[in-house]
Amino acid sequence: MNRQGGGRTPSTMAEATRGVQGAAGNAAMVQMLRSGEERRGGATGPSARTRPNADRRGSGRESAADSAARPVQRAPQGDRAQTFGQGGPLDGLDHAGNYYRFDFQHVKAKALRDVANVLVGISFPTQPGDVEQVTSWAKKPQRTSDVEVYSINIQGTIQAPIFNPGPPTQAPWSNRPLYVHAHASNEFFKIPVEVAPGTVKAVKVDGATFSRILRNHPGYREAARNTPGRDGLLMSCTAGHPMATAAADMAHDMHSAGSKRTWYAPSGMGVRFDPLTGRPDASGYGSGQSWDAQGNETPGGFVAYPPPRRGN
């Protein structure tokens, strides 16, 4: 997330969302993961929101022993299964684990436009402030994430985490990637769905379903036309963590459908800076460090999902 304010350090301006990481390593981060609001299968826990405009929601494996991959949990299919939504070929789970069926037109999204009003990405806002913050970030005249990124060291406590960015480095993706913003967890992307006429609710979908939703959304297709030959960036916290499946499944489905983009996702907590310190016309993006199940720390970075090589 982001925090506005001139003259503040990047750590005080940075707000972040979070997802799955190994339940080991930095004690504060472990507790943040364990107290995450989204858990597998729809179970819930206490909120991780600790200060105004901060939104560090998360979900993940609660112990190293729980690190083995398991399939996405769905409601049973049959006459006794209680389903919600307006019906359609897509399915997902709400915060409480209720099962929803819906169609492509029921998914709501927001265009991400640059300072010249060119559509460069798409956002699926499900948290308060998402629309204003992400669109402001995208519109900055100097959006440095087009060409550079930050590796961020997360310190502090659960109540007051501190985000310390290192010096910017060259981004691994091609100049000005196609941006896709959505809150994420280990298996799921969260999207806004009109579950009843006039009622929009956050629904979790797996990576393959998220891929289908993107390909069928007119805003995404316009952004794709505006970024030919460019890579794609999933602005989705820890979707690229080694123990996560969300970004990998999304990219695999994209490539199976013919996408030739290399997709990138943060391995740790994704952090947007808006504005950068001393640069009111600039915004930035980075990834916090992550941990594996044994507690080994890896600096913040991004995971690449290239298209498969085709044989001759």
Protein backbone atom coordinates (compact mmCIF):
# COMPACT_ATOMS: atom_id res chain seq x y z
CA MET A 1 0.00 0.00 0.00
CA ASN A 2 1.17 3.59 0.22
CA ARG A 3 1.32 6.59 2.46
CA GLN A 4 1.30 10.15 1.16
CA GLY A 5 3.54 12.75 2.75
CA GLY A 6 6.40 14.97 1.74
CA GLY A 7 9.68 14.80 3.63
CA ARG A 8 9.02 11.42 5.24
CA THR A 9 11.39 8.50 4.97
CA PRO A 10 10.41 5.65 2.63
CA SER A 11 9.82 3.38 5.63
CA THR A 12 7.15 5.68 7.02
CA MET A 13 5.51 6.15 3.63
CA ALA A 14 5.41 2.48 2.73
CA GLU A 15 2.35 0.40 3.37
CA ALA A 16 2.13 -3.21 2.30
CA THR A 17 -0.10 -6.16 1.89
CA ARG A 18 1.18 -9.62 2.64
CA GLY A 19 0.58 -13.28 1.88
CA VAL A 20 2.14 -16.67 2.50
CA GLN A 21 5.66 -17.12 3.76
CA GLY A 22 7.29 -19.90 5.74
CA ALA A 23 6.29 -19.86 9.38
CA ALA A 24 9.88 -19.39 10.45
CA GLY A 25 12.45 -16.60 10.53
CA ASN A 26 11.72 -13.14 11.86
CA ALA A 27 9.41 -13.54 14.88
CA ALA A 28 7.27 -10.52 14.07
CA MET A 29 6.66 -11.71 10.52
CA VAL A 30 5.83 -15.20 11.74
CA GLN A 31 3.19 -13.78 14.05
CA MET A 32 1.82 -11.62 11.26
CA LEU A 33 1.43 -14.71 9.13
CA ARG A 34 -0.18 -16.74 11.89
CA SER A 35 -2.63 -13.97 12.68
CA GLY A 36 -3.54 -13.55 9.01
CA GLU A 37 -7.15 -12.93 8.16
CA GLU A 38 -7.25 -15.32 5.22
CA ARG A 39 -6.36 -18.93 5.89
CA ARG A 40 -6.60 -22.03 3.78
CA GLY A 41 -10.10 -23.27 3.16
CA GLY A 42 -11.71 -20.05 4.41
CA ALA A 43 -10.95 -20.26 8.14
CA THR A 44 -10.48 -16.84 9.69
CA GLY A 45 -8.25 -15.21 12.26
CA PRO A 46 -7.80 -11.77 13.85
CA SER A 47 -7.15 -8.82 11.60
CA ALA A 48 -3.58 -7.68 11.01
CA ARG A 49 -4.60 -4.07 10.52
CA THR A 50 -2.71 -2.04 13.09
CA ARG A 51 -2.73 1.58 11.99
CA PRO A 52 -4.64 3.96 9.67
CA ASN A 53 -4.34 3.15 5.96
CA ALA A 54 -2.22 0.09 6.73
CA ASP A 55 -3.44 -3.15 5.22
CA ARG A 56 -1.16 -6.09 5.84
CA ARG A 57 -3.58 -8.91 5.30
CA GLY A 58 -2.17 -12.35 4.82
CA SER A 59 -2.64 -16.01 4.66
CA GLY A 60 -0.29 -18.86 4.76
CA ARG A 61 0.99 -22.02 6.22
CA GLU A 62 0.97 -21.85 9.98
CA SER A 63 3.94 -24.09 10.63
CA ALA A 64 6.78 -25.73 8.79
CA ALA A 65 4.96 -29.04 9.05
CA ASP A 66 2.05 -27.48 7.18
CA SER A 67 4.25 -26.49 4.24
CA ALA A 68 3.34 -29.41 1.97
CA ALA A 69 1.22 -28.39 -1.01
CA ARG A 70 -2.46 -29.25 -0.82
CA PRO A 71 -5.16 -28.81 -3.45
CA VAL A 72 -7.45 -25.81 -3.42
CA GLN A 73 -10.37 -26.58 -1.15
CA ARG A 74 -13.79 -26.25 -2.72
CA ALA A 75 -17.31 -26.79 -1.54
CA PRO A 76 -18.65 -30.26 -2.37
CA GLN A 77 -20.35 -30.47 -5.74
CA GLY A 78 -23.82 -31.93 -5.50
CA ASP A 79 -27.40 -31.28 -4.57
CA ARG A 80 -26.54 -30.64 -0.94
CA ALA A 81 -23.85 -28.05 -1.65
CA GLN A 82 -24.95 -24.53 -0.74
CA THR A 83 -23.78 -22.09 -3.35
CA PHE A 84 -24.07 -18.32 -3.59
CA GLY A 85 -23.68 -15.72 -6.30
CA GLN A 86 -25.47 -15.02 -9.54
CA GLY A 87 -24.29 -18.18 -11.25
CA GLY A 88 -21.85 -18.82 -14.05
CA PRO A 89 -18.74 -20.77 -15.05
CA LEU A 90 -16.41 -19.23 -12.42
CA ASP A 91 -16.12 -20.21 -8.78
CA GLY A 92 -14.44 -19.00 -5.63
CA LEU A 93 -14.63 -18.67 -1.87
CA ASP A 94 -15.49 -15.73 0.32
CA HIS A 95 -13.73 -14.77 3.54
CA ALA A 96 -15.75 -17.28 5.56
CA GLY A 97 -15.26 -20.13 3.09
CA ASN A 98 -18.68 -19.90 1.45
CA TYR A 99 -18.78 -21.16 -2.13
CA TYR A 100 -19.75 -18.77 -4.94
CA ARG A 101 -20.50 -19.21 -8.62
CA PHE A 102 -20.41 -16.18 -10.91
CA ASP A 103 -19.77 -15.05 -14.47
CA PHE A 104 -17.13 -12.84 -16.06
CA GLN A 105 -19.36 -9.78 -16.17
CA HIS A 106 -19.82 -9.97 -12.40
CA VAL A 107 -16.12 -9.25 -11.76
CA LYS A 108 -15.36 -5.59 -11.11
CA ALA A 109 -11.98 -4.04 -11.88
CA LYS A 110 -10.36 -0.62 -12.16
CA ALA A 111 -8.20 0.61 -15.01
CA LEU A 112 -4.64 1.70 -14.21
CA ARG A 113 -3.71 4.66 -16.39
CA ASP A 114 -0.48 6.58 -16.67
CA VAL A 115 -0.04 10.35 -16.65
CA ALA A 116 -0.92 10.44 -20.36
CA ASN A 117 -4.15 8.54 -19.64
CA VAL A 118 -2.86 5.40 -21.40
CA LEU A 119 -4.18 2.20 -19.84
CA VAL A 120 -1.10 0.28 -18.62
CA GLY A 121 -2.70 -2.23 -16.28
CA ILE A 122 -5.70 -3.32 -14.27
CA SER A 123 -6.52 -3.44 -10.57
CA PHE A 124 -8.93 -5.63 -8.61
CA PRO A 125 -9.60 -3.43 -5.56
CA THR A 126 -10.92 -5.28 -2.52
CA GLN A 127 -9.61 -3.17 0.37
CA PRO A 128 -10.52 0.35 1.51
CA GLY A 129 -8.40 2.90 -0.29
CA ASP A 130 -7.25 0.55 -3.05
CA VAL A 131 -8.77 2.52 -5.91
CA GLU A 132 -7.36 5.90 -4.86
CA GLN A 133 -3.96 4.58 -3.86
CA VAL A 134 -3.19 2.28 -6.77
CA THR A 135 -4.47 4.68 -9.43
CA SER A 136 -2.43 7.51 -7.87
CA TRP A 137 0.64 5.27 -7.89
CA ALA A 138 0.13 4.39 -11.57
CA LYS A 139 -0.40 8.01 -12.65
CA LYS A 140 2.84 9.43 -11.25
CA PRO A 141 4.84 11.13 -14.06
CA GLN A 142 7.93 9.22 -12.93
CA ARG A 143 6.74 5.66 -12.23
CA THR A 144 10.15 4.21 -11.47
CA SER A 145 8.90 0.61 -11.34
CA ASP A 146 8.90 0.68 -15.14
CA VAL A 147 12.68 0.28 -14.99
CA GLU A 148 13.80 -0.28 -11.37
CA VAL A 149 12.77 -1.96 -8.12
CA TYR A 150 13.62 -1.96 -4.42
CA SER A 151 14.65 -4.83 -2.20
CA ILE A 152 13.08 -4.05 1.16
CA ASN A 153 14.17 -5.27 4.58
CA ILE A 154 11.24 -5.61 6.99
CA GLN A 155 11.99 -4.95 10.64
CA GLY A 156 10.15 -3.74 13.72
CA THR A 157 7.17 -5.29 15.45
CA ILE A 158 3.72 -6.50 14.48
CA GLN A 159 2.25 -3.21 15.68
CA ALA A 160 4.87 -1.05 13.97
CA PRO A 161 6.65 -2.80 11.10
CA ILE A 162 9.40 -0.81 9.45
CA PHE A 163 10.09 -1.10 5.71
CA ASN A 164 13.70 -0.23 4.88
CA PRO A 165 14.36 -0.13 1.12
CA GLY A 166 17.84 -0.60 -0.24
CA PRO A 167 19.09 1.33 -3.25
CA PRO A 168 17.05 0.81 -6.42
CA THR A 169 18.25 -1.80 -8.87
CA GLN A 170 17.37 -2.53 -12.47
CA ALA A 171 14.00 -4.26 -12.81
CA PRO A 172 14.15 -7.81 -14.18
CA TRP A 173 11.24 -7.16 -16.53
CA SER A 174 11.16 -5.27 -19.80
CA ASN A 175 10.60 -1.53 -19.69
CA ARG A 176 7.05 -0.64 -18.61
CA PRO A 177 5.48 -4.02 -17.97
CA LEU A 178 1.78 -4.79 -18.01
CA TYR A 179 0.66 -4.18 -14.40
CA VAL A 180 -1.90 -6.40 -12.65
CA HIS A 181 -2.81 -5.50 -9.06
CA ALA A 182 -4.71 -7.85 -6.77
CA HIS A 183 -4.33 -8.88 -3.15
CA ALA A 184 -3.12 -12.46 -2.93
CA SER A 185 -2.28 -15.34 -0.63
CA ASN A 186 -0.61 -18.68 -1.12
CA GLU A 187 -3.27 -20.16 -3.44
CA PHE A 188 -5.66 -17.34 -4.10
CA PHE A 189 -6.12 -13.95 -5.70
CA LYS A 190 -8.83 -11.78 -4.20
CA ILE A 191 -11.21 -10.06 -6.60
CA PRO A 192 -14.36 -7.93 -6.26
CA VAL A 193 -17.45 -9.79 -7.46
CA GLU A 194 -21.04 -8.59 -7.76
CA VAL A 195 -22.56 -11.51 -5.87
CA ALA A 196 -26.07 -10.03 -6.07
CA PRO A 197 -27.45 -7.01 -7.93
CA GLY A 198 -25.81 -3.98 -6.34
CA THR A 199 -23.76 -6.05 -3.85
CA VAL A 200 -20.01 -6.43 -4.39
CA LYS A 201 -18.00 -8.81 -2.24
CA ALA A 202 -14.36 -9.94 -2.12
CA VAL A 203 -14.05 -13.48 -3.46
CA LYS A 204 -10.91 -15.63 -3.59
CA VAL A 205 -10.08 -17.48 -6.81
CA ASP A 206 -7.15 -19.73 -7.67
CA GLY A 207 -4.48 -18.81 -10.21
CA ALA A 208 -6.02 -20.58 -13.18
CA THR A 209 -9.39 -18.91 -12.59
CA PHE A 210 -7.69 -15.54 -12.19
CA SER A 211 -5.97 -16.08 -15.54
CA ARG A 212 -9.32 -16.75 -17.24
CA ILE A 213 -10.82 -13.64 -15.66
CA LEU A 214 -7.93 -11.50 -16.91
CA ARG A 215 -8.12 -12.79 -20.46
CA ASN A 216 -11.85 -12.12 -20.62
CA HIS A 217 -11.73 -8.61 -19.14
CA PRO A 218 -11.83 -5.74 -21.67
CA GLY A 219 -9.60 -3.55 -19.48
CA TYR A 220 -6.90 -6.20 -19.40
CA ARG A 221 -7.14 -6.75 -23.14
CA GLU A 222 -6.69 -3.01 -23.77
CA ALA A 223 -3.70 -2.89 -21.43
CA ALA A 224 -2.27 -5.94 -23.23
CA ARG A 225 -2.61 -4.18 -26.58
CA ASN A 226 -0.81 -1.15 -25.12
CA THR A 227 2.15 -3.25 -23.95
CA PRO A 228 3.03 -5.51 -26.89
CA GLY A 229 6.08 -7.67 -26.35
CA ARG A 230 6.40 -6.56 -22.72
CA ASP A 231 6.53 -8.66 -19.59
CA GLY A 232 3.77 -8.72 -16.97
CA LEU A 233 4.03 -7.81 -13.28
CA LEU A 234 1.67 -9.26 -10.69
CA MET A 235 1.48 -6.71 -7.87
CA SER A 236 0.32 -9.41 -5.49
CA CYS A 237 2.08 -9.97 -2.18
CA THR A 238 4.12 -13.19 -1.94
CA ALA A 239 2.25 -14.70 -4.89
CA GLY A 240 5.70 -15.72 -6.12
CA HIS A 241 6.92 -17.25 -2.87
CA PRO A 242 8.45 -20.73 -3.41
CA MET A 243 5.71 -22.28 -1.26
CA ALA A 244 2.91 -20.41 -3.05
CA THR A 245 0.97 -21.59 -6.09
CA ALA A 246 -1.05 -18.48 -7.01
CA ALA A 247 1.33 -16.81 -9.47
CA ALA A 248 2.69 -20.08 -10.88
CA ASP A 249 -0.80 -21.38 -11.64
CA MET A 250 -1.86 -18.06 -13.14
CA ALA A 251 1.21 -17.89 -15.40
CA HIS A 252 0.88 -21.54 -16.45
CA ASP A 253 -2.71 -21.00 -17.51
CA MET A 254 -1.79 -17.81 -19.34
CA HIS A 255 0.95 -19.59 -21.26
CA SER A 256 -1.32 -22.54 -22.02
CA ALA A 257 -3.74 -20.07 -23.58
CA GLY A 258 -1.01 -18.62 -25.79
CA SER A 259 0.49 -15.76 -23.74
CA LYS A 260 4.16 -15.18 -24.61
CA ARG A 261 4.84 -12.81 -21.74
CA THR A 262 7.17 -13.60 -18.89
CA TRP A 263 5.22 -12.93 -15.71
CA TYR A 264 6.84 -11.67 -12.51
CA ALA A 265 5.56 -11.76 -8.92
CA PRO A 266 7.09 -10.66 -5.60
CA SER A 267 8.50 -13.46 -3.46
CA GLY A 268 7.87 -11.42 -0.32
CA MET A 269 5.63 -8.59 0.73
CA GLY A 270 5.00 -6.18 -2.13
CA VAL A 271 5.35 -2.50 -1.23
CA ARG A 272 4.28 0.53 -3.22
CA PHE A 273 5.94 3.91 -2.58
CA ASP A 274 3.84 6.94 -3.46
CA PRO A 275 5.53 9.34 -3.55
CA LEU A 276 9.23 8.59 -3.27
CA THR A 277 11.12 10.61 -0.67
CA GLY A 278 11.95 14.04 -2.03
CA ARG A 279 10.29 13.20 -5.35
CA PRO A 280 6.59 14.14 -5.25
CA ASP A 281 6.20 13.28 -8.94
CA ALA A 282 7.61 9.75 -8.57
CA SER A 283 6.35 6.36 -7.35
CA GLY A 284 8.14 3.06 -6.83
CA TYR A 285 7.67 -0.62 -6.07
CA GLY A 286 9.62 -3.31 -4.24
CA SER A 287 9.53 -6.65 -2.45
CA GLY A 288 10.32 -7.50 1.16
CA GLN A 289 12.42 -10.45 2.26
CA SER A 290 10.95 -13.92 2.68
CA TRP A 291 11.74 -17.06 4.66
CA ASP A 292 11.57 -20.73 3.89
CA ALA A 293 10.21 -23.40 6.24
CA GLN A 294 13.64 -23.81 7.83
CA GLY A 295 13.93 -20.12 8.66
CA ASN A 296 16.44 -19.26 5.95
CA GLU A 297 16.02 -15.65 4.86
CA THR A 298 16.04 -14.53 1.23
CA PRO A 299 16.28 -10.84 0.30
CA GLY A 300 13.24 -9.29 -1.29
CA GLY A 301 12.96 -10.05 -4.97
CA PHE A 302 10.78 -11.22 -7.83
CA VAL A 303 10.18 -14.62 -9.38
CA ALA A 304 9.97 -15.01 -13.16
CA TYR A 305 7.51 -17.32 -14.93
CA PRO A 306 8.65 -17.41 -18.58
CA PRO A 307 6.66 -19.06 -21.35
CA PRO A 308 7.73 -22.63 -22.12
CA ARG A 309 10.20 -23.11 -24.91
CA ARG A 310 8.67 -24.61 -28.01
CA GLY A 311 10.48 -27.38 -29.84
CA ASN A 312 11.23 -27.13 -33.54
